[in-house]
Amino acid sequence: MPGIDTGIDECLLEVMRLPGARGAALVDWTSGLALGTVGESPGGDQEAAAVEAAELARLAAEQHVFAPDPGGGTPDGDDPPVEDLIISNRDSYHLLRFVGTSFDSSVCLHLWLARADGNLALARIRLGEMAGRLVLG
């Protein structure tokens, strides 16, 4: 649904429609707090998965090599410091998509995708679209 703003729950449900989606969360990467979750969670604990995703996101966002402008892109903080992170293992992908916000852009979408059924390129494109439509507040 291009052009239609979505809330957290709607966004996460849309993420779960991606082929191979096992679970998804919207995470505040400064605090490790899951703002919303849906589906399964790696390791069976959604809170622990959110904290670990936040640690990875924060690490990438704070490193000059990965985020050349540690100030967040624009003076308004609309642009996240990194676009996305992809972590692959033998049976799945983890895609962390940073979300631009009107406050401090410290939010990311975490998608857990089954490698056998998922399409990483499609998931990356769709998460980017969803992140652009996500309304927080």
N, C-alpha and C. Protein backbone atom coordinates (compact mmCIF):
# COMPACT_ATOMS: atom_id res chain seq x y z
N MET A 1 0.81 -1.18 0.00
CA MET A 1 0.00 0.00 0.00
C MET A 1 0.86 1.25 0.00
N PRO A 2 1.54 1.55 -1.07
CA PRO A 2 2.41 2.72 -1.12
C PRO A 2 1.63 3.99 -0.83
N GLY A 3 2.29 4.90 -0.08
CA GLY A 3 1.69 6.19 0.19
C GLY A 3 0.80 6.24 1.42
N ILE A 4 0.50 5.11 2.03
CA ILE A 4 -0.37 5.09 3.19
C ILE A 4 0.49 4.91 4.43
N ASP A 5 0.37 5.87 5.38
CA ASP A 5 1.12 5.77 6.63
C ASP A 5 0.55 4.64 7.47
N THR A 6 1.44 3.94 8.17
CA THR A 6 1.00 2.83 9.01
C THR A 6 1.56 2.98 10.42
N GLY A 7 0.85 2.41 11.38
CA GLY A 7 1.31 2.37 12.76
C GLY A 7 2.16 1.14 12.98
N ILE A 8 2.63 0.98 14.21
CA ILE A 8 3.53 -0.11 14.54
C ILE A 8 2.91 -1.48 14.27
N ASP A 9 1.71 -1.71 14.79
CA ASP A 9 1.08 -3.03 14.63
C ASP A 9 0.85 -3.37 13.16
N GLU A 10 0.33 -2.40 12.41
CA GLU A 10 0.08 -2.64 10.98
C GLU A 10 1.37 -2.92 10.23
N CYS A 11 2.42 -2.17 10.57
CA CYS A 11 3.71 -2.35 9.93
C CYS A 11 4.26 -3.75 10.20
N LEU A 12 4.21 -4.18 11.45
CA LEU A 12 4.75 -5.50 11.80
C LEU A 12 3.94 -6.62 11.14
N LEU A 13 2.63 -6.46 11.07
CA LEU A 13 1.81 -7.47 10.39
C LEU A 13 2.14 -7.53 8.90
N GLU A 14 2.40 -6.38 8.31
CA GLU A 14 2.79 -6.34 6.89
C GLU A 14 4.15 -7.01 6.69
N VAL A 15 5.07 -6.80 7.62
CA VAL A 15 6.39 -7.45 7.54
C VAL A 15 6.22 -8.96 7.55
N MET A 16 5.31 -9.46 8.37
CA MET A 16 5.11 -10.91 8.49
C MET A 16 4.51 -11.53 7.22
N ARG A 17 4.02 -10.72 6.31
CA ARG A 17 3.51 -11.25 5.04
C ARG A 17 4.63 -11.55 4.05
N LEU A 18 5.85 -11.14 4.37
CA LEU A 18 6.98 -11.43 3.49
C LEU A 18 7.26 -12.93 3.51
N PRO A 19 7.57 -13.51 2.35
CA PRO A 19 7.89 -14.94 2.31
C PRO A 19 9.07 -15.25 3.24
N GLY A 20 8.88 -16.26 4.08
CA GLY A 20 9.94 -16.70 4.97
C GLY A 20 10.03 -15.96 6.29
N ALA A 21 9.17 -14.96 6.51
CA ALA A 21 9.22 -14.19 7.75
C ALA A 21 8.90 -15.10 8.93
N ARG A 22 9.77 -15.11 9.92
CA ARG A 22 9.55 -15.91 11.13
C ARG A 22 9.14 -15.03 12.31
N GLY A 23 9.65 -13.82 12.33
CA GLY A 23 9.33 -12.90 13.41
C GLY A 23 9.84 -11.52 13.08
N ALA A 24 9.25 -10.52 13.75
CA ALA A 24 9.66 -9.14 13.51
C ALA A 24 9.45 -8.33 14.78
N ALA A 25 10.22 -7.27 14.89
CA ALA A 25 10.10 -6.38 16.04
C ALA A 25 10.49 -4.97 15.62
N LEU A 26 9.91 -4.00 16.28
CA LEU A 26 10.34 -2.62 16.17
C LEU A 26 11.08 -2.34 17.47
N VAL A 27 12.34 -1.93 17.35
CA VAL A 27 13.22 -1.82 18.51
C VAL A 27 13.79 -0.41 18.62
N ASP A 28 13.78 0.13 19.82
CA ASP A 28 14.50 1.37 20.11
C ASP A 28 15.94 0.96 20.39
N TRP A 29 16.85 1.30 19.49
CA TRP A 29 18.21 0.79 19.63
C TRP A 29 19.05 1.53 20.65
N THR A 30 18.54 2.61 21.21
CA THR A 30 19.29 3.25 22.30
C THR A 30 18.99 2.59 23.64
N SER A 31 17.78 2.06 23.81
CA SER A 31 17.40 1.46 25.08
C SER A 31 17.28 -0.06 25.04
N GLY A 32 17.10 -0.64 23.85
CA GLY A 32 16.90 -2.08 23.74
C GLY A 32 15.46 -2.49 23.95
N LEU A 33 14.57 -1.52 24.03
CA LEU A 33 13.16 -1.78 24.26
C LEU A 33 12.45 -2.17 22.96
N ALA A 34 11.69 -3.26 23.00
CA ALA A 34 10.86 -3.65 21.86
C ALA A 34 9.58 -2.83 21.92
N LEU A 35 9.34 -2.01 20.90
CA LEU A 35 8.13 -1.19 20.84
C LEU A 35 6.95 -1.99 20.31
N GLY A 36 7.24 -3.11 19.68
CA GLY A 36 6.22 -4.01 19.17
C GLY A 36 6.88 -5.26 18.63
N THR A 37 6.21 -6.40 18.77
CA THR A 37 6.75 -7.66 18.25
C THR A 37 5.62 -8.48 17.64
N VAL A 38 5.99 -9.38 16.74
CA VAL A 38 5.03 -10.28 16.13
C VAL A 38 5.77 -11.55 15.70
N GLY A 39 5.10 -12.68 15.73
CA GLY A 39 5.70 -13.93 15.29
C GLY A 39 6.65 -14.53 16.32
N GLU A 40 7.52 -15.40 15.83
CA GLU A 40 8.50 -16.06 16.68
C GLU A 40 9.65 -15.11 17.01
N SER A 41 10.46 -15.54 17.95
CA SER A 41 11.64 -14.76 18.32
C SER A 41 12.85 -15.69 18.35
N PRO A 42 13.98 -15.23 17.80
CA PRO A 42 15.18 -16.06 17.87
C PRO A 42 15.51 -16.36 19.33
N GLY A 43 15.71 -17.62 19.66
CA GLY A 43 16.01 -18.00 21.02
C GLY A 43 14.79 -18.08 21.92
N GLY A 44 13.61 -17.73 21.38
CA GLY A 44 12.38 -17.84 22.14
C GLY A 44 12.07 -16.70 23.10
N ASP A 45 12.92 -15.69 23.18
CA ASP A 45 12.72 -14.60 24.12
C ASP A 45 12.74 -13.28 23.36
N GLN A 46 11.56 -12.66 23.19
CA GLN A 46 11.46 -11.43 22.41
C GLN A 46 12.22 -10.27 23.04
N GLU A 47 12.20 -10.17 24.36
CA GLU A 47 12.92 -9.09 25.02
C GLU A 47 14.43 -9.22 24.85
N ALA A 48 14.94 -10.43 24.99
CA ALA A 48 16.38 -10.65 24.80
C ALA A 48 16.78 -10.39 23.35
N ALA A 49 15.94 -10.80 22.40
CA ALA A 49 16.23 -10.56 20.99
C ALA A 49 16.26 -9.07 20.70
N ALA A 50 15.35 -8.31 21.31
CA ALA A 50 15.32 -6.85 21.10
C ALA A 50 16.59 -6.20 21.64
N VAL A 51 17.03 -6.63 22.81
CA VAL A 51 18.24 -6.08 23.41
C VAL A 51 19.45 -6.39 22.52
N GLU A 52 19.54 -7.62 22.03
CA GLU A 52 20.67 -7.99 21.19
C GLU A 52 20.65 -7.27 19.84
N ALA A 53 19.46 -7.11 19.25
CA ALA A 53 19.35 -6.35 18.00
C ALA A 53 19.75 -4.89 18.24
N ALA A 54 19.34 -4.34 19.37
CA ALA A 54 19.70 -2.96 19.70
C ALA A 54 21.21 -2.80 19.84
N GLU A 55 21.86 -3.77 20.45
CA GLU A 55 23.32 -3.70 20.61
C GLU A 55 24.01 -3.66 19.26
N LEU A 56 23.56 -4.50 18.32
CA LEU A 56 24.16 -4.49 16.99
C LEU A 56 23.90 -3.18 16.27
N ALA A 57 22.65 -2.69 16.35
CA ALA A 57 22.30 -1.44 15.69
C ALA A 57 23.13 -0.28 16.26
N ARG A 58 23.22 -0.22 17.56
CA ARG A 58 23.98 0.85 18.22
C ARG A 58 25.45 0.77 17.83
N LEU A 59 26.00 -0.42 17.80
CA LEU A 59 27.41 -0.58 17.42
C LEU A 59 27.66 -0.04 16.02
N ALA A 60 26.81 -0.39 15.07
CA ALA A 60 26.98 0.10 13.70
C ALA A 60 26.78 1.60 13.62
N ALA A 61 25.76 2.11 14.31
CA ALA A 61 25.42 3.54 14.23
C ALA A 61 26.50 4.43 14.85
N GLU A 62 27.22 3.90 15.81
CA GLU A 62 28.21 4.72 16.52
C GLU A 62 29.61 4.63 15.93
N GLN A 63 29.80 3.79 14.93
CA GLN A 63 31.13 3.62 14.34
C GLN A 63 31.26 4.49 13.09
N HIS A 64 32.28 5.31 13.05
CA HIS A 64 32.48 6.23 11.93
C HIS A 64 32.63 5.50 10.59
N VAL A 65 33.19 4.31 10.61
CA VAL A 65 33.36 3.54 9.38
C VAL A 65 32.00 3.21 8.74
N PHE A 66 31.01 2.90 9.57
CA PHE A 66 29.69 2.51 9.07
C PHE A 66 28.71 3.67 8.99
N ALA A 67 28.89 4.67 9.83
CA ALA A 67 28.00 5.82 9.87
C ALA A 67 28.86 7.08 9.84
N PRO A 68 29.25 7.53 8.64
CA PRO A 68 30.19 8.64 8.51
C PRO A 68 29.76 9.91 9.21
N ASP A 69 28.45 10.13 9.39
CA ASP A 69 27.97 11.32 10.09
C ASP A 69 27.33 10.89 11.40
N PRO A 70 28.09 10.82 12.49
CA PRO A 70 27.54 10.33 13.74
C PRO A 70 26.43 11.21 14.31
N GLY A 71 26.22 12.38 13.75
CA GLY A 71 25.15 13.26 14.21
C GLY A 71 23.78 12.85 13.74
N GLY A 72 23.68 11.85 12.88
CA GLY A 72 22.37 11.38 12.47
C GLY A 72 21.95 11.85 11.10
N GLY A 73 22.83 12.47 10.31
CA GLY A 73 22.45 12.83 8.95
C GLY A 73 22.05 14.27 8.82
N THR A 74 20.85 14.62 9.22
CA THR A 74 20.36 15.98 9.09
C THR A 74 20.25 16.62 10.46
N PRO A 75 20.24 17.94 10.52
CA PRO A 75 20.12 18.61 11.81
C PRO A 75 18.83 18.24 12.55
N ASP A 76 17.77 17.90 11.82
CA ASP A 76 16.50 17.54 12.44
C ASP A 76 16.52 16.13 13.01
N GLY A 77 17.50 15.31 12.66
CA GLY A 77 17.55 13.94 13.14
C GLY A 77 16.65 13.01 12.35
N ASP A 78 16.16 13.46 11.18
CA ASP A 78 15.23 12.66 10.39
C ASP A 78 15.87 11.43 9.77
N ASP A 79 17.14 11.51 9.45
CA ASP A 79 17.81 10.41 8.76
C ASP A 79 18.58 9.56 9.75
N PRO A 80 18.35 8.24 9.71
CA PRO A 80 19.14 7.37 10.59
C PRO A 80 20.59 7.33 10.12
N PRO A 81 21.51 7.00 11.02
CA PRO A 81 22.93 7.00 10.67
C PRO A 81 23.34 5.87 9.72
N VAL A 82 22.58 4.79 9.69
CA VAL A 82 22.85 3.62 8.85
C VAL A 82 21.55 3.23 8.19
N GLU A 83 21.59 2.70 6.98
CA GLU A 83 20.37 2.28 6.31
C GLU A 83 19.88 0.93 6.82
N ASP A 84 20.73 -0.09 6.75
CA ASP A 84 20.35 -1.40 7.27
C ASP A 84 21.57 -2.26 7.55
N LEU A 85 21.33 -3.32 8.31
CA LEU A 85 22.34 -4.33 8.61
C LEU A 85 21.77 -5.68 8.22
N ILE A 86 22.61 -6.53 7.66
CA ILE A 86 22.19 -7.88 7.31
C ILE A 86 23.15 -8.86 7.97
N ILE A 87 22.59 -9.79 8.71
CA ILE A 87 23.38 -10.83 9.35
C ILE A 87 22.82 -12.16 8.85
N SER A 88 23.69 -13.01 8.37
CA SER A 88 23.23 -14.31 7.87
C SER A 88 23.90 -15.42 8.67
N ASN A 89 23.16 -16.49 8.84
CA ASN A 89 23.72 -17.70 9.41
C ASN A 89 23.27 -18.87 8.55
N ARG A 90 23.51 -20.06 8.98
CA ARG A 90 23.27 -21.20 8.10
C ARG A 90 21.80 -21.38 7.72
N ASP A 91 20.85 -20.95 8.57
CA ASP A 91 19.44 -21.20 8.22
C ASP A 91 18.55 -19.96 8.20
N SER A 92 19.11 -18.78 8.49
CA SER A 92 18.26 -17.59 8.49
C SER A 92 19.04 -16.31 8.23
N TYR A 93 18.27 -15.26 8.00
CA TYR A 93 18.81 -13.91 7.88
C TYR A 93 18.18 -13.06 8.97
N HIS A 94 18.94 -12.09 9.42
CA HIS A 94 18.42 -11.05 10.31
C HIS A 94 18.66 -9.74 9.58
N LEU A 95 17.59 -9.01 9.37
CA LEU A 95 17.68 -7.73 8.69
C LEU A 95 17.24 -6.65 9.65
N LEU A 96 18.13 -5.72 9.92
CA LEU A 96 17.82 -4.57 10.78
C LEU A 96 17.73 -3.35 9.89
N ARG A 97 16.55 -2.78 9.79
CA ARG A 97 16.32 -1.60 8.95
C ARG A 97 16.12 -0.39 9.85
N PHE A 98 16.99 0.58 9.74
CA PHE A 98 16.88 1.78 10.55
C PHE A 98 15.73 2.64 10.03
N VAL A 99 14.99 3.25 10.95
CA VAL A 99 13.80 4.02 10.61
C VAL A 99 14.05 5.49 10.94
N GLY A 100 13.84 6.35 9.96
CA GLY A 100 13.94 7.78 10.19
C GLY A 100 12.72 8.26 10.96
N THR A 101 12.94 9.10 11.96
CA THR A 101 11.84 9.64 12.76
C THR A 101 12.02 11.15 12.89
N SER A 102 10.98 11.80 13.36
CA SER A 102 11.06 13.25 13.54
C SER A 102 11.79 13.63 14.83
N PHE A 103 12.07 12.63 15.68
CA PHE A 103 12.78 12.95 16.92
C PHE A 103 14.25 12.59 16.80
N ASP A 104 14.69 11.37 17.10
CA ASP A 104 16.12 11.09 17.09
C ASP A 104 16.55 9.90 16.23
N SER A 105 15.64 9.33 15.47
CA SER A 105 15.96 8.22 14.56
C SER A 105 16.70 7.08 15.25
N SER A 106 16.21 6.70 16.42
CA SER A 106 16.86 5.62 17.18
C SER A 106 16.00 4.36 17.19
N VAL A 107 15.32 4.11 16.07
CA VAL A 107 14.41 2.97 15.96
C VAL A 107 14.81 2.14 14.75
N CYS A 108 14.68 0.81 14.89
CA CYS A 108 14.93 -0.05 13.74
C CYS A 108 13.91 -1.19 13.71
N LEU A 109 13.64 -1.65 12.51
CA LEU A 109 12.83 -2.84 12.30
C LEU A 109 13.76 -4.04 12.25
N HIS A 110 13.45 -5.08 12.99
CA HIS A 110 14.24 -6.31 12.97
C HIS A 110 13.37 -7.41 12.38
N LEU A 111 13.80 -7.95 11.27
CA LEU A 111 13.10 -9.06 10.63
C LEU A 111 13.96 -10.31 10.73
N TRP A 112 13.36 -11.38 11.20
CA TRP A 112 14.00 -12.69 11.24
C TRP A 112 13.40 -13.48 10.09
N LEU A 113 14.23 -13.86 9.12
CA LEU A 113 13.78 -14.44 7.87
C LEU A 113 14.39 -15.82 7.66
N ALA A 114 13.56 -16.82 7.39
CA ALA A 114 14.06 -18.17 7.10
C ALA A 114 14.79 -18.14 5.76
N ARG A 115 15.99 -18.63 5.76
CA ARG A 115 16.83 -18.58 4.56
C ARG A 115 16.25 -19.41 3.41
N ALA A 116 15.67 -20.57 3.71
CA ALA A 116 15.15 -21.45 2.67
C ALA A 116 13.92 -20.87 1.95
N ASP A 117 13.11 -20.10 2.66
CA ASP A 117 11.85 -19.60 2.10
C ASP A 117 11.87 -18.11 1.78
N GLY A 118 12.83 -17.39 2.33
CA GLY A 118 12.83 -15.94 2.21
C GLY A 118 13.58 -15.44 0.99
N ASN A 119 13.32 -14.21 0.66
CA ASN A 119 14.01 -13.52 -0.41
C ASN A 119 14.61 -12.27 0.20
N LEU A 120 15.90 -12.29 0.44
CA LEU A 120 16.57 -11.20 1.14
C LEU A 120 16.45 -9.87 0.40
N ALA A 121 16.60 -9.89 -0.91
CA ALA A 121 16.50 -8.65 -1.68
C ALA A 121 15.10 -8.06 -1.58
N LEU A 122 14.08 -8.89 -1.73
CA LEU A 122 12.70 -8.42 -1.61
C LEU A 122 12.44 -7.89 -0.20
N ALA A 123 12.90 -8.61 0.82
CA ALA A 123 12.69 -8.18 2.20
C ALA A 123 13.35 -6.82 2.45
N ARG A 124 14.52 -6.63 1.92
CA ARG A 124 15.23 -5.36 2.11
C ARG A 124 14.47 -4.21 1.46
N ILE A 125 13.97 -4.43 0.26
CA ILE A 125 13.20 -3.40 -0.43
C ILE A 125 11.91 -3.08 0.34
N ARG A 126 11.18 -4.12 0.71
CA ARG A 126 9.90 -3.92 1.41
C ARG A 126 10.08 -3.28 2.78
N LEU A 127 11.12 -3.68 3.52
CA LEU A 127 11.37 -3.04 4.81
C LEU A 127 11.67 -1.56 4.64
N GLY A 128 12.38 -1.22 3.59
CA GLY A 128 12.65 0.19 3.31
C GLY A 128 11.38 0.97 3.05
N GLU A 129 10.47 0.37 2.27
CA GLU A 129 9.17 1.01 2.01
C GLU A 129 8.37 1.16 3.29
N MET A 130 8.33 0.10 4.09
CA MET A 130 7.57 0.13 5.33
C MET A 130 8.14 1.14 6.31
N ALA A 131 9.46 1.21 6.40
CA ALA A 131 10.10 2.16 7.30
C ALA A 131 9.73 3.59 6.92
N GLY A 132 9.59 3.84 5.63
CA GLY A 132 9.21 5.16 5.16
C GLY A 132 7.78 5.54 5.48
N ARG A 133 6.93 4.55 5.66
CA ARG A 133 5.50 4.81 5.94
C ARG A 133 5.17 4.71 7.42
N LEU A 134 6.10 4.24 8.22
CA LEU A 134 5.83 4.01 9.63
C LEU A 134 5.63 5.33 10.36
N VAL A 135 4.53 5.41 11.10
CA VAL A 135 4.22 6.60 11.89
C VAL A 135 4.39 6.26 13.35
N LEU A 136 5.26 6.96 14.01
CA LEU A 136 5.51 6.75 15.43
C LEU A 136 5.01 7.97 16.20
N GLY A 137 4.41 7.70 17.36
CA GLY A 137 3.99 8.84 18.16
C GLY A 137 2.66 8.65 18.81
